[in-house]
Amino acid sequence: MGFPEKEATLIKGDNNGSIAIAKNPELHQCTKHIEVRWHWVHDLIKEGQIMVTKCKGMEQTTDVLTKVLLCPKH
């Protein structure tokens, strides 16, 4: 958009496995199906352009748009 980024873009996720793979994409038995081209996220983390952190389920504001929720959560 033409504005310089002052700090890394924060990406929050609730999946520990995806966060671990993004931070350390070593080839494991469970990740051998992931194509190498998708490991660019790890490169962005190394360059300091993005930061991936854990977000608890209760903090997921996007859930109201993607999941069926109980009345109290609305």
PDB file of N, CA and C in Angstrom:
ATOM      1  N   MET A   1       0.805  -1.193   0.000  1.00  0.00           N
ATOM      2  CA  MET A   1       0.000   0.000   0.000  1.00  0.00           C
ATOM      3  C   MET A   1       0.849   1.259   0.000  1.00  0.00           C
ATOM      4  N   GLY A   2       2.145   1.083  -0.013  1.00  0.00           N
ATOM      5  CA  GLY A   2       3.015   2.232  -0.092  1.00  0.00           C
ATOM      6  C   GLY A   2       3.532   2.755   1.235  1.00  0.00           C
ATOM      7  N   PHE A   3       3.136   2.126   2.338  1.00  0.00           N
ATOM      8  CA  PHE A   3       3.601   2.549   3.650  1.00  0.00           C
ATOM      9  C   PHE A   3       4.673   1.579   4.138  1.00  0.00           C
ATOM     10  N   PRO A   4       5.798   2.087   4.629  1.00  0.00           N
ATOM     11  CA  PRO A   4       6.825   1.171   5.146  1.00  0.00           C
ATOM     12  C   PRO A   4       6.360   0.515   6.446  1.00  0.00           C
ATOM     13  N   GLU A   5       6.693  -0.754   6.602  1.00  0.00           N
ATOM     14  CA  GLU A   5       6.326  -1.462   7.834  1.00  0.00           C
ATOM     15  C   GLU A   5       7.350  -1.149   8.911  1.00  0.00           C
ATOM     16  N   LYS A   6       6.869  -0.769  10.078  1.00  0.00           N
ATOM     17  CA  LYS A   6       7.755  -0.425  11.183  1.00  0.00           C
ATOM     18  C   LYS A   6       8.148  -1.649  11.992  1.00  0.00           C
ATOM     19  N   GLU A   7       7.291  -2.652  11.989  1.00  0.00           N
ATOM     20  CA  GLU A   7       7.577  -3.888  12.716  1.00  0.00           C
ATOM     21  C   GLU A   7       6.958  -5.060  11.969  1.00  0.00           C
ATOM     22  N   ALA A   8       7.267  -6.255  12.416  1.00  0.00           N
ATOM     23  CA  ALA A   8       6.785  -7.467  11.753  1.00  0.00           C
ATOM     24  C   ALA A   8       5.264  -7.585  11.849  1.00  0.00           C
ATOM     25  N   THR A   9       4.663  -8.134  10.805  1.00  0.00           N
ATOM     26  CA  THR A   9       3.233  -8.397  10.804  1.00  0.00           C
ATOM     27  C   THR A   9       2.958  -9.577  11.720  1.00  0.00           C
ATOM     28  N   LEU A  10       2.023  -9.434  12.629  1.00  0.00           N
ATOM     29  CA  LEU A  10       1.707 -10.484  13.593  1.00  0.00           C
ATOM     30  C   LEU A  10       0.609 -11.381  13.036  1.00  0.00           C
ATOM     31  N   ILE A  11       0.886 -12.672  12.988  1.00  0.00           N
ATOM     32  CA  ILE A  11      -0.097 -13.663  12.567  1.00  0.00           C
ATOM     33  C   ILE A  11      -0.363 -14.564  13.759  1.00  0.00           C
ATOM     34  N   LYS A  12      -1.628 -14.633  14.170  1.00  0.00           N
ATOM     35  CA  LYS A  12      -1.999 -15.457  15.316  1.00  0.00           C
ATOM     36  C   LYS A  12      -2.691 -16.718  14.822  1.00  0.00           C
ATOM     37  N   GLY A  13      -2.349 -17.833  15.429  1.00  0.00           N
ATOM     38  CA  GLY A  13      -2.965 -19.100  15.064  1.00  0.00           C
ATOM     39  C   GLY A  13      -3.272 -19.925  16.290  1.00  0.00           C
ATOM     40  N   ASP A  14      -4.238 -20.847  16.158  1.00  0.00           N
ATOM     41  CA  ASP A  14      -4.586 -21.696  17.295  1.00  0.00           C
ATOM     42  C   ASP A  14      -4.150 -23.142  17.076  1.00  0.00           C
ATOM     43  N   ASN A  15      -3.326 -23.375  16.067  1.00  0.00           N
ATOM     44  CA  ASN A  15      -2.860 -24.716  15.768  1.00  0.00           C
ATOM     45  C   ASN A  15      -1.368 -24.804  16.067  1.00  0.00           C
ATOM     46  N   ASN A  16      -1.021 -25.517  17.149  1.00  0.00           N
ATOM     47  CA  ASN A  16       0.378 -25.620  17.560  1.00  0.00           C
ATOM     48  C   ASN A  16       1.253 -26.238  16.476  1.00  0.00           C
ATOM     49  N   GLY A  17       0.711 -27.206  15.751  1.00  0.00           N
ATOM     50  CA  GLY A  17       1.485 -27.876  14.702  1.00  0.00           C
ATOM     51  C   GLY A  17       1.862 -26.932  13.580  1.00  0.00           C
ATOM     52  N   SER A  18       0.924 -26.122  13.131  1.00  0.00           N
ATOM     53  CA  SER A  18       1.221 -25.198  12.038  1.00  0.00           C
ATOM     54  C   SER A  18       2.219 -24.126  12.470  1.00  0.00           C
ATOM     55  N   ILE A  19       2.130 -23.693  13.713  1.00  0.00           N
ATOM     56  CA  ILE A  19       3.078 -22.703  14.230  1.00  0.00           C
ATOM     57  C   ILE A  19       4.477 -23.311  14.304  1.00  0.00           C
ATOM     58  N   ALA A  20       4.570 -24.540  14.783  1.00  0.00           N
ATOM     59  CA  ALA A  20       5.873 -25.208  14.887  1.00  0.00           C
ATOM     60  C   ALA A  20       6.504 -25.415  13.516  1.00  0.00           C
ATOM     61  N   ILE A  21       5.708 -25.815  12.532  1.00  0.00           N
ATOM     62  CA  ILE A  21       6.233 -26.028  11.181  1.00  0.00           C
ATOM     63  C   ILE A  21       6.675 -24.710  10.564  1.00  0.00           C
ATOM     64  N   ALA A  22       5.924 -23.642  10.809  1.00  0.00           N
ATOM     65  CA  ALA A  22       6.296 -22.339  10.262  1.00  0.00           C
ATOM     66  C   ALA A  22       7.619 -21.854  10.837  1.00  0.00           C
ATOM     67  N   LYS A  23       7.845 -22.102  12.111  1.00  0.00           N
ATOM     68  CA  LYS A  23       9.075 -21.650  12.751  1.00  0.00           C
ATOM     69  C   LYS A  23      10.260 -22.564  12.459  1.00  0.00           C
ATOM     70  N   ASN A  24      10.009 -23.860  12.229  1.00  0.00           N
ATOM     71  CA  ASN A  24      11.086 -24.820  11.991  1.00  0.00           C
ATOM     72  C   ASN A  24      10.597 -25.882  11.005  1.00  0.00           C
ATOM     73  N   PRO A  25      10.733 -25.626   9.695  1.00  0.00           N
ATOM     74  CA  PRO A  25      10.144 -26.524   8.696  1.00  0.00           C
ATOM     75  C   PRO A  25      11.008 -27.738   8.351  1.00  0.00           C
ATOM     76  N   GLU A  26      11.564 -28.384   9.347  1.00  0.00           N
ATOM     77  CA  GLU A  26      12.349 -29.595   9.079  1.00  0.00           C
ATOM     78  C   GLU A  26      11.456 -30.654   8.450  1.00  0.00           C
ATOM     79  N   LEU A  27      12.056 -31.495   7.650  1.00  0.00           N
ATOM     80  CA  LEU A  27      11.296 -32.561   7.012  1.00  0.00           C
ATOM     81  C   LEU A  27      11.056 -33.673   8.024  1.00  0.00           C
ATOM     82  N   HIS A  28       9.813 -33.894   8.365  1.00  0.00           N
ATOM     83  CA  HIS A  28       9.411 -34.953   9.265  1.00  0.00           C
ATOM     84  C   HIS A  28       8.469 -35.886   8.523  1.00  0.00           C
ATOM     85  N   GLN A  29       8.199 -37.012   9.081  1.00  0.00           N
ATOM     86  CA  GLN A  29       7.276 -37.979   8.482  1.00  0.00           C
ATOM     87  C   GLN A  29       5.901 -37.347   8.248  1.00  0.00           C
ATOM     88  N   CYS A  30       5.453 -36.531   9.183  1.00  0.00           N
ATOM     89  CA  CYS A  30       4.114 -35.933   9.081  1.00  0.00           C
ATOM     90  C   CYS A  30       4.046 -34.766   8.103  1.00  0.00           C
ATOM     91  N   THR A  31       5.184 -34.172   7.747  1.00  0.00           N
ATOM     92  CA  THR A  31       5.169 -32.996   6.881  1.00  0.00           C
ATOM     93  C   THR A  31       5.699 -33.266   5.488  1.00  0.00           C
ATOM     94  N   LYS A  32       5.974 -34.493   5.163  1.00  0.00           N
ATOM     95  CA  LYS A  32       6.566 -34.773   3.850  1.00  0.00           C
ATOM     96  C   LYS A  32       5.618 -34.458   2.700  1.00  0.00           C
ATOM     97  N   HIS A  33       4.307 -34.353   2.974  1.00  0.00           N
ATOM     98  CA  HIS A  33       3.342 -34.053   1.926  1.00  0.00           C
ATOM     99  C   HIS A  33       3.264 -32.567   1.595  1.00  0.00           C
ATOM    100  N   ILE A  34       3.894 -31.704   2.402  1.00  0.00           N
ATOM    101  CA  ILE A  34       3.863 -30.264   2.158  1.00  0.00           C
ATOM    102  C   ILE A  34       4.926 -29.920   1.123  1.00  0.00           C
ATOM    103  N   GLU A  35       4.508 -29.266   0.053  1.00  0.00           N
ATOM    104  CA  GLU A  35       5.436 -28.907  -1.005  1.00  0.00           C
ATOM    105  C   GLU A  35       6.414 -27.843  -0.510  1.00  0.00           C
ATOM    106  N   VAL A  36       7.626 -27.887  -1.014  1.00  0.00           N
ATOM    107  CA  VAL A  36       8.683 -26.974  -0.592  1.00  0.00           C
ATOM    108  C   VAL A  36       8.288 -25.522  -0.836  1.00  0.00           C
ATOM    109  N   ARG A  37       7.513 -25.251  -1.876  1.00  0.00           N
ATOM    110  CA  ARG A  37       7.153 -23.863  -2.188  1.00  0.00           C
ATOM    111  C   ARG A  37       6.333 -23.212  -1.087  1.00  0.00           C
ATOM    112  N   TRP A  38       5.692 -23.996  -0.239  1.00  0.00           N
ATOM    113  CA  TRP A  38       4.897 -23.414   0.839  1.00  0.00           C
ATOM    114  C   TRP A  38       5.739 -23.066   2.063  1.00  0.00           C
ATOM    115  N   HIS A  39       7.029 -23.358   2.031  1.00  0.00           N
ATOM    116  CA  HIS A  39       7.905 -23.036   3.161  1.00  0.00           C
ATOM    117  C   HIS A  39       8.353 -21.575   3.146  1.00  0.00           C
ATOM    118  N   TRP A  40       7.798 -20.764   2.240  1.00  0.00           N
ATOM    119  CA  TRP A  40       8.172 -19.355   2.176  1.00  0.00           C
ATOM    120  C   TRP A  40       7.788 -18.613   3.448  1.00  0.00           C
ATOM    121  N   VAL A  41       6.827 -19.134   4.198  1.00  0.00           N
ATOM    122  CA  VAL A  41       6.447 -18.503   5.461  1.00  0.00           C
ATOM    123  C   VAL A  41       7.637 -18.515   6.421  1.00  0.00           C
ATOM    124  N   HIS A  42       8.364 -19.628   6.443  1.00  0.00           N
ATOM    125  CA  HIS A  42       9.550 -19.721   7.302  1.00  0.00           C
ATOM    126  C   HIS A  42      10.584 -18.667   6.898  1.00  0.00           C
ATOM    127  N   ASP A  43      10.747 -18.456   5.599  1.00  0.00           N
ATOM    128  CA  ASP A  43      11.687 -17.443   5.125  1.00  0.00           C
ATOM    129  C   ASP A  43      11.273 -16.045   5.599  1.00  0.00           C
ATOM    130  N   LEU A  44       9.975 -15.756   5.573  1.00  0.00           N
ATOM    131  CA  LEU A  44       9.491 -14.454   6.037  1.00  0.00           C
ATOM    132  C   LEU A  44       9.715 -14.280   7.534  1.00  0.00           C
ATOM    133  N   ILE A  45       9.590 -15.369   8.289  1.00  0.00           N
ATOM    134  CA  ILE A  45       9.856 -15.316   9.730  1.00  0.00           C
ATOM    135  C   ILE A  45      11.332 -15.033   9.971  1.00  0.00           C
ATOM    136  N   LYS A  46      12.204 -15.727   9.229  1.00  0.00           N
ATOM    137  CA  LYS A  46      13.647 -15.514   9.374  1.00  0.00           C
ATOM    138  C   LYS A  46      14.046 -14.087   9.017  1.00  0.00           C
ATOM    139  N   GLU A  47      13.383 -13.501   8.014  1.00  0.00           N
ATOM    140  CA  GLU A  47      13.688 -12.138   7.588  1.00  0.00           C
ATOM    141  C   GLU A  47      13.096 -11.088   8.527  1.00  0.00           C
ATOM    142  N   GLY A  48      12.228 -11.513   9.443  1.00  0.00           N
ATOM    143  CA  GLY A  48      11.621 -10.588  10.390  1.00  0.00           C
ATOM    144  C   GLY A  48      10.422  -9.836   9.833  1.00  0.00           C
ATOM    145  N   GLN A  49       9.870 -10.305   8.703  1.00  0.00           N
ATOM    146  CA  GLN A  49       8.713  -9.639   8.114  1.00  0.00           C
ATOM    147  C   GLN A  49       7.410 -10.037   8.796  1.00  0.00           C
ATOM    148  N   ILE A  50       7.351 -11.283   9.307  1.00  0.00           N
ATOM    149  CA  ILE A  50       6.163 -11.729  10.028  1.00  0.00           C
ATOM    150  C   ILE A  50       6.564 -12.406  11.324  1.00  0.00           C
ATOM    151  N   MET A  51       5.630 -12.453  12.265  1.00  0.00           N
ATOM    152  CA  MET A  51       5.793 -13.143  13.535  1.00  0.00           C
ATOM    153  C   MET A  51       4.568 -14.028  13.719  1.00  0.00           C
ATOM    154  N   VAL A  52       4.763 -15.297  14.040  1.00  0.00           N
ATOM    155  CA  VAL A  52       3.655 -16.218  14.250  1.00  0.00           C
ATOM    156  C   VAL A  52       3.587 -16.531  15.737  1.00  0.00           C
ATOM    157  N   THR A  53       2.404 -16.309  16.330  1.00  0.00           N
ATOM    158  CA  THR A  53       2.228 -16.571  17.758  1.00  0.00           C
ATOM    159  C   THR A  53       0.962 -17.382  17.990  1.00  0.00           C
ATOM    160  N   LYS A  54       0.855 -17.917  19.189  1.00  0.00           N
ATOM    161  CA  LYS A  54      -0.290 -18.724  19.598  1.00  0.00           C
ATOM    162  C   LYS A  54      -1.440 -17.815  20.002  1.00  0.00           C
ATOM    163  N   CYS A  55      -2.631 -18.193  19.600  1.00  0.00           N
ATOM    164  CA  CYS A  55      -3.833 -17.467  19.978  1.00  0.00           C
ATOM    165  C   CYS A  55      -4.827 -18.483  20.537  1.00  0.00           C
ATOM    166  N   LYS A  56      -5.231 -18.296  21.774  1.00  0.00           N
ATOM    167  CA  LYS A  56      -6.163 -19.227  22.404  1.00  0.00           C
ATOM    168  C   LYS A  56      -7.514 -19.176  21.707  1.00  0.00           C
ATOM    169  N   GLY A  57      -8.250 -20.246  21.786  1.00  0.00           N
ATOM    170  CA  GLY A  57      -9.550 -20.343  21.137  1.00  0.00           C
ATOM    171  C   GLY A  57     -10.514 -19.249  21.532  1.00  0.00           C
ATOM    172  N   MET A  58     -10.491 -18.832  22.784  1.00  0.00           N
ATOM    173  CA  MET A  58     -11.398 -17.786  23.254  1.00  0.00           C
ATOM    174  C   MET A  58     -11.054 -16.416  22.663  1.00  0.00           C
ATOM    175  N   GLU A  59      -9.819 -16.244  22.199  1.00  0.00           N
ATOM    176  CA  GLU A  59      -9.385 -14.970  21.641  1.00  0.00           C
ATOM    177  C   GLU A  59      -9.602 -14.886  20.128  1.00  0.00           C
ATOM    178  N   GLN A  60     -10.061 -15.967  19.518  1.00  0.00           N
ATOM    179  CA  GLN A  60     -10.244 -16.011  18.073  1.00  0.00           C
ATOM    180  C   GLN A  60     -11.486 -15.223  17.675  1.00  0.00           C
ATOM    181  N   THR A  61     -11.297 -13.998  17.254  1.00  0.00           N
ATOM    182  CA  THR A  61     -12.431 -13.163  16.868  1.00  0.00           C
ATOM    183  C   THR A  61     -13.026 -13.594  15.528  1.00  0.00           C
ATOM    184  N   THR A  62     -12.268 -14.294  14.715  1.00  0.00           N
ATOM    185  CA  THR A  62     -12.786 -14.725  13.415  1.00  0.00           C
ATOM    186  C   THR A  62     -13.735 -15.905  13.536  1.00  0.00           C
ATOM    187  N   ASP A  63     -13.789 -16.553  14.681  1.00  0.00           N
ATOM    188  CA  ASP A  63     -14.686 -17.697  14.865  1.00  0.00           C
ATOM    189  C   ASP A  63     -16.141 -17.337  14.594  1.00  0.00           C
ATOM    190  N   VAL A  64     -16.543 -16.111  14.905  1.00  0.00           N
ATOM    191  CA  VAL A  64     -17.937 -15.722  14.690  1.00  0.00           C
ATOM    192  C   VAL A  64     -18.287 -15.703  13.209  1.00  0.00           C
ATOM    193  N   LEU A  65     -17.293 -15.626  12.350  1.00  0.00           N
ATOM    194  CA  LEU A  65     -17.525 -15.610  10.912  1.00  0.00           C
ATOM    195  C   LEU A  65     -17.384 -16.985  10.269  1.00  0.00           C
ATOM    196  N   THR A  66     -16.746 -17.929  10.966  1.00  0.00           N
ATOM    197  CA  THR A  66     -16.416 -19.204  10.334  1.00  0.00           C
ATOM    198  C   THR A  66     -16.992 -20.425  11.022  1.00  0.00           C
ATOM    199  N   LYS A  67     -17.547 -20.285  12.235  1.00  0.00           N
ATOM    200  CA  LYS A  67     -18.014 -21.447  12.980  1.00  0.00           C
ATOM    201  C   LYS A  67     -19.387 -21.199  13.587  1.00  0.00           C
ATOM    202  N   VAL A  68     -20.066 -22.288  13.881  1.00  0.00           N
ATOM    203  CA  VAL A  68     -21.331 -22.193  14.615  1.00  0.00           C
ATOM    204  C   VAL A  68     -20.975 -21.958  16.080  1.00  0.00           C
ATOM    205  N   LEU A  69     -21.545 -20.926  16.670  1.00  0.00           N
ATOM    206  CA  LEU A  69     -21.216 -20.573  18.051  1.00  0.00           C
ATOM    207  C   LEU A  69     -22.441 -20.663  18.944  1.00  0.00           C
ATOM    208  N   LEU A  70     -22.181 -20.912  20.210  1.00  0.00           N
ATOM    209  CA  LEU A  70     -23.248 -20.906  21.206  1.00  0.00           C
ATOM    210  C   LEU A  70     -23.658 -19.458  21.482  1.00  0.00           C
ATOM    211  N   CYS A  71     -24.855 -19.252  21.941  1.00  0.00           N
ATOM    212  CA  CYS A  71     -25.372 -17.906  22.219  1.00  0.00           C
ATOM    213  C   CYS A  71     -24.474 -17.090  23.150  1.00  0.00           C
ATOM    214  N   PRO A  72     -23.936 -17.665  24.235  1.00  0.00           N
ATOM    215  CA  PRO A  72     -23.105 -16.845  25.127  1.00  0.00           C
ATOM    216  C   PRO A  72     -21.869 -16.235  24.446  1.00  0.00           C
ATOM    217  N   LYS A  73     -21.340 -16.906  23.438  1.00  0.00           N
ATOM    218  CA  LYS A  73     -20.135 -16.392  22.779  1.00  0.00           C
ATOM    219  C   LYS A  73     -20.464 -15.204  21.874  1.00  0.00           C
ATOM    220  N   HIS A  74     -21.718 -15.132  21.402  1.00  0.00           N
ATOM    221  CA  HIS A  74     -22.125 -13.999  20.575  1.00  0.00           C
ATOM    222  C   HIS A  74     -22.243 -12.791  21.460  1.00  0.00           C
TER     223      HIS A  74
END
